[in-house]
Protein backbone atom coordinates (compact mmCIF):
# COMPACT_ATOMS: atom_id res chain seq x y z
CA MET A 1 91.16 94.88 120.18
CA ILE A 2 92.82 91.22 120.02
CA GLU A 3 93.42 91.45 123.71
CA THR A 4 89.75 91.47 123.86
CA PHE A 5 88.96 88.73 121.42
CA ALA A 6 91.16 86.20 123.33
CA GLN A 7 89.88 87.17 126.77
CA LEU A 8 86.50 86.97 125.37
CA SER A 9 87.57 83.91 124.02
CA GLN A 10 88.77 82.10 127.33
CA ALA A 11 85.67 83.79 128.92
CA ILE A 12 83.11 81.60 126.81
CA SER A 13 85.63 78.32 127.37
CA ASN A 14 86.03 78.53 131.04
CA SER A 15 82.33 79.47 131.57
CA THR A 16 81.38 76.43 128.98
CA THR A 17 83.23 73.36 130.96
CA THR A 18 82.15 75.01 133.94
CA ILE A 19 78.42 75.02 133.28
CA MET A 20 78.95 71.44 131.88
CA THR A 21 80.83 69.79 134.23
CA GLU A 22 78.67 71.51 137.33
CA ALA A 23 75.19 69.42 135.80
CA ALA A 24 77.49 66.55 134.51
CA LEU A 25 78.67 65.98 138.46
CA LEU A 26 74.52 67.27 139.78
CA SER A 27 72.91 64.61 137.02
CA GLU A 28 75.68 61.85 138.38
CA GLU A 29 74.20 62.98 142.10
CA GLY A 30 70.47 61.96 140.81
CA ASP A 31 69.12 65.40 140.04
CA MET A 32 66.61 65.49 136.72
CA LEU A 33 68.35 68.00 134.54
CA ASP A 34 68.09 68.19 130.91
CA MET A 35 71.11 68.70 128.97
CA VAL A 36 70.09 69.17 125.64
CA ALA A 37 68.03 72.69 127.22
CA ILE A 38 71.20 73.40 129.34
CA GLN A 39 73.42 73.01 126.46
CA ASN A 40 71.23 75.51 123.71
CA GLU A 41 70.36 77.94 126.56
CA LEU A 42 74.10 77.66 126.61
CA ILE A 43 74.48 78.60 123.39
CA ALA A 44 72.32 81.01 123.05
CA SER A 45 73.76 83.16 125.61
CA ILE A 46 77.34 82.76 124.19
CA GLU A 47 76.42 84.16 120.93
CA SER A 48 74.67 86.74 122.50
CA VAL A 49 77.71 87.51 123.85
CA ALA A 50 79.71 86.63 120.72
CA TYR A 51 77.67 88.81 118.38
CA GLU A 52 76.94 91.92 120.70
CA GLN A 53 78.37 94.91 118.96
CA ARG A 54 80.91 97.17 120.60
CA THR A 55 82.64 100.40 120.35
CA TYR A 56 86.16 99.86 120.53
CA VAL A 57 86.53 103.82 118.80
CA SER A 58 84.87 106.89 120.32
CA GLU A 59 85.35 110.58 119.28
CA PRO A 60 84.16 112.90 121.07
CA ALA A 61 80.52 114.12 119.34
CA GLU A 62 81.70 117.90 119.50
CA GLU A 63 84.70 117.80 116.93
CA GLU A 64 84.05 117.57 113.61
CA SER A 65 86.53 114.44 111.96
CA VAL A 66 87.80 113.38 108.25
CA SER A 67 87.51 109.89 107.06
CA SER A 68 90.38 107.93 106.83
CA MET A 69 90.55 108.55 102.38
CA GLN A 70 90.47 112.35 103.24
CA TYR A 71 92.93 112.03 105.91
CA TYR A 72 95.81 109.90 103.26
CA ALA A 73 94.58 111.77 100.40
CA ALA A 74 96.13 114.92 102.46
CA ALA A 75 98.74 113.17 103.84
CA MET A 76 100.10 111.87 100.41
CA ALA A 77 99.36 114.78 98.60
CA ALA A 78 101.76 116.28 101.54
CA MET A 79 104.05 113.75 101.19
CA PHE A 80 104.42 113.71 97.50
CA LEU A 81 105.66 117.51 97.24
CA LEU A 82 108.48 116.61 99.56
CA PHE A 83 110.03 115.15 96.63
CA ASN A 84 109.54 118.00 94.82
CA SER A 85 112.83 118.92 97.52
CA MET A 86 114.77 116.04 96.00
CA ALA A 87 113.93 116.47 92.44
CA GLY A 88 115.14 119.93 93.15
CA GLY A 89 118.43 119.18 94.32
CA LYS A 90 119.06 116.15 91.60
CA SER A 91 118.49 118.95 89.13
CA PHE A 92 120.78 121.32 89.89
CA HIS A 93 123.78 118.62 89.89
CA GLN A 94 122.62 116.92 86.47
CA GLU A 95 123.04 120.60 84.86
CA ARG A 96 126.83 120.74 86.34
CA ARG A 97 127.39 117.80 85.34
CA SER A 98 125.94 118.16 82.33
CA GLU A 99 127.63 121.59 82.21
CA THR A 100 124.87 123.38 80.89
CA LEU A 101 125.30 125.91 84.43
CA SER A 102 128.97 126.74 83.22
CA ARG A 103 126.94 127.82 79.58
CA LEU A 104 124.40 129.60 81.35
CA LYS A 105 127.28 131.39 83.55
CA MET A 106 129.21 132.65 79.97
CA THR A 107 125.55 134.56 79.66
CA PRO A 108 124.65 138.07 80.94
CA ILE A 109 122.22 137.03 83.57
CA SER A 110 123.87 137.00 87.10
CA ILE A 111 124.05 133.77 89.10
CA HIS A 112 121.22 135.05 91.45
CA THR A 113 119.18 135.07 88.31
CA ILE A 114 119.77 131.10 87.76
CA LEU A 115 119.08 130.23 91.48
CA VAL A 116 115.86 132.20 90.97
CA GLY A 117 115.01 130.89 87.75
CA LYS A 118 115.58 127.20 89.28
CA PHE A 119 112.97 127.74 92.29
CA ILE A 120 110.23 129.03 90.05
CA GLY A 121 110.75 126.32 88.75
CA THR A 122 110.76 124.00 91.26
CA CYS A 123 107.72 125.78 92.50
CA LEU A 124 106.27 125.57 89.37
CA PHE A 125 106.73 121.76 88.75
CA ALA A 126 105.02 120.92 92.10
CA TRP A 127 102.31 123.32 91.57
CA ILE A 128 101.86 120.86 88.30
CA GLN A 129 101.67 117.16 90.54
CA PHE A 130 99.43 118.72 92.82
CA LEU A 131 97.13 119.90 90.81
CA ILE A 132 96.95 116.44 89.42
CA PHE A 133 97.03 114.69 92.78
CA ILE A 134 94.15 116.71 93.56
CA GLY A 135 91.97 116.55 90.28
CA ALA A 136 92.68 112.58 90.69
CA THR A 137 91.41 111.93 93.99
CA HIS A 138 88.49 114.41 93.60
CA PHE A 139 86.89 113.46 90.46
CA LEU A 140 87.84 109.43 90.44
CA LEU A 141 87.95 108.65 94.39
CA LYS A 142 85.56 110.83 95.30
CA VAL A 143 87.79 112.81 98.41
CA ASP A 144 86.23 115.83 99.75
CA TRP A 145 88.47 118.00 99.92
CA GLY A 146 86.37 120.64 102.18
CA SER A 147 83.93 123.31 100.63
CA SER A 148 86.57 125.80 99.64
CA ILE A 149 88.95 125.12 96.82
CA LEU A 150 90.54 128.97 97.59
CA GLN A 151 91.65 127.58 101.50
CA ILE A 152 94.05 124.51 99.96
CA LEU A 153 95.30 126.71 97.23
CA PHE A 154 96.35 129.30 99.51
CA ILE A 155 97.84 127.03 102.13
CA THR A 156 99.36 124.91 98.89
CA PHE A 157 100.86 128.05 98.19
CA PHE A 158 102.79 128.64 101.12
CA TYR A 159 103.49 125.15 101.55
CA ILE A 160 105.25 124.71 98.45
CA PHE A 161 106.94 127.95 98.91
CA SER A 162 108.88 125.58 101.47
CA VAL A 163 109.62 122.82 99.74
CA ALA A 164 111.11 124.96 97.06
CA GLY A 165 113.43 126.32 100.05
CA LEU A 166 114.13 123.08 101.07
CA ALA A 167 115.38 121.94 97.23
CA MET A 168 117.80 124.78 97.50
CA VAL A 169 119.17 122.80 100.55
CA VAL A 170 119.58 119.67 99.12
CA ALA A 171 121.65 121.65 96.40
CA ALA A 172 123.32 123.94 98.66
CA PHE A 173 124.48 121.26 100.51
CA THR A 174 125.56 117.82 98.76
CA THR A 175 128.36 117.40 96.17
CA SER A 176 127.06 115.03 93.85
CA GLU A 177 123.60 114.18 91.97
CA LYS A 178 124.07 110.54 93.93
CA MET A 179 124.14 112.37 96.87
CA ALA A 180 121.27 114.56 96.60
CA ASP A 181 119.47 111.40 95.52
CA VAL A 182 120.31 109.22 98.37
CA VAL A 183 120.26 112.48 101.37
CA GLY A 184 116.72 114.02 99.16
CA SER A 185 115.13 110.45 99.71
CA MET A 186 115.97 109.84 103.48
CA GLY A 187 114.92 112.85 104.13
CA VAL A 188 111.54 112.84 102.58
CA GLN A 189 110.65 109.53 104.22
CA VAL A 190 111.59 110.87 107.69
CA LEU A 191 109.95 114.59 107.26
CA ALA A 192 107.20 112.18 106.15
CA LEU A 193 106.55 110.35 109.29
CA LEU A 194 107.13 112.76 112.14
CA GLY A 195 104.85 115.34 109.73
CA GLY A 196 101.89 112.97 110.14
CA SER A 197 101.89 111.74 106.50
CA MET A 198 102.42 107.90 107.39
CA LEU A 199 100.49 107.87 110.84
CA PRO A 200 98.04 109.96 112.35
CA LEU A 201 100.23 111.99 114.74
CA SER A 202 97.61 111.66 117.19
CA LEU A 203 99.70 108.12 117.96
CA PHE A 204 102.38 109.90 118.63
CA PRO A 205 103.67 110.66 122.11
CA GLU A 206 103.62 114.07 123.10
CA VAL A 207 107.62 114.60 122.37
CA MET A 208 108.02 113.71 118.54
CA ARG A 209 104.10 115.39 118.39
CA ASN A 210 106.18 118.71 119.67
CA ILE A 211 109.01 117.70 116.59
CA ALA A 212 106.63 118.03 114.43
CA THR A 213 105.37 121.40 114.76
CA ALA A 214 109.00 122.35 112.95
CA ILE A 215 108.62 120.10 109.79
CA PRO A 216 106.49 121.69 107.42
CA ASN A 217 104.22 119.18 106.21
CA SER A 218 103.21 118.74 109.31
CA TRP A 219 101.35 121.64 109.35
CA ALA A 220 99.89 121.55 105.38
CA LEU A 221 98.54 118.30 106.86
CA THR A 222 96.90 119.90 109.43
CA SER A 223 95.92 122.39 106.98
CA TYR A 224 94.04 120.30 104.97
CA THR A 225 92.19 118.37 107.12
CA SER A 226 91.10 121.50 109.18
CA ILE A 227 89.72 122.87 105.55
CA MET A 228 87.75 119.34 105.21
CA THR A 229 85.91 120.34 108.52
CA GLY A 230 85.04 123.73 107.24
CA THR A 231 87.88 125.49 109.81
CA PRO A 232 87.64 129.40 108.76
CA TRP A 233 89.98 131.67 106.83
CA SER A 234 91.72 133.09 110.39
CA THR A 235 92.91 129.82 111.32
CA LEU A 236 95.42 129.39 108.14
CA TRP A 237 97.06 132.51 108.91
CA LEU A 238 99.70 130.59 111.56
CA PRO A 239 100.49 127.61 109.57
CA SER A 240 100.68 129.33 106.58
CA GLY A 241 103.09 131.92 108.19
CA VAL A 242 105.69 129.27 109.79
CA LEU A 243 105.56 127.89 106.31
CA LEU A 244 106.65 131.05 104.49
CA GLY A 245 109.37 131.68 107.37
CA ILE A 246 110.29 127.75 106.44
CA GLY A 247 110.89 128.44 102.89
CA THR A 248 112.27 132.42 103.81
CA VAL A 249 115.39 130.57 106.18
CA ALA A 250 116.00 127.98 103.55
CA ILE A 251 116.09 130.06 101.14
CA LEU A 252 119.47 132.68 102.75
CA ILE A 253 121.19 129.78 103.87
CA SER A 254 120.97 127.99 100.28
CA SER A 255 121.45 131.41 98.53
CA ILE A 256 124.74 132.12 100.59
CA ARG A 257 126.22 128.30 100.20
CA LEU A 258 124.95 128.24 96.71
CA ASN A 259 126.73 131.83 95.63
CA ARG A 260 129.92 130.44 96.81
CA ARG A 261 130.05 127.43 94.59
CA VAL A 262 128.61 128.51 91.57
CA ALA A 263 130.36 131.76 91.66
């Protein structure tokens, strides 16, 4: 758009200079020219070109699209839920530092029960955060989340499952609260960028769009926008299965490592 405006300005300037110069030369040669009429006609022509309505961005007529408010509401929901991976990892180290974890180990409950409790706690915290977010965007910002709230909750369930799994990974592969904070913050920013939460995936090259297929918030974001345009249930089986797989793999890897560290 900036390039088009610059070219338009240059074209107007050059044409104005050329026309007025030619008119002045003809006038000097004795031709009877109405310079005021030429000037007025030139101004009218320039204004008609400058104020002509143009469409710089077009979309296929057969495809439904979401508004910018809808897209970024879904993008921010996906990104904010990612922060639970950081919060879950930090809370594990906080309990170790405050000796809460040591006192829990002295009770009759098993290590597996402690880890399951941490996982469920992260999931519940994420659900509370998401419900507040979707309520605020819908009632305060008038964001249309689509006609099926059940589809939204369905895909959110699997997304939160995968995010809680990532929280366990952060806890398993960091050694301190500060390290979990740094790794979690950097990880959230990278995943949010590659997953489309900061910029639409359509702006990325094909290589980055392929990388996004391995990122959980990318699947959640595309599912949310599809639901907003009225997608059938059959299109949600693939993203829900991928999110379930990411969460399961993350839980298996982190549980093996955490069992060794906590035991």
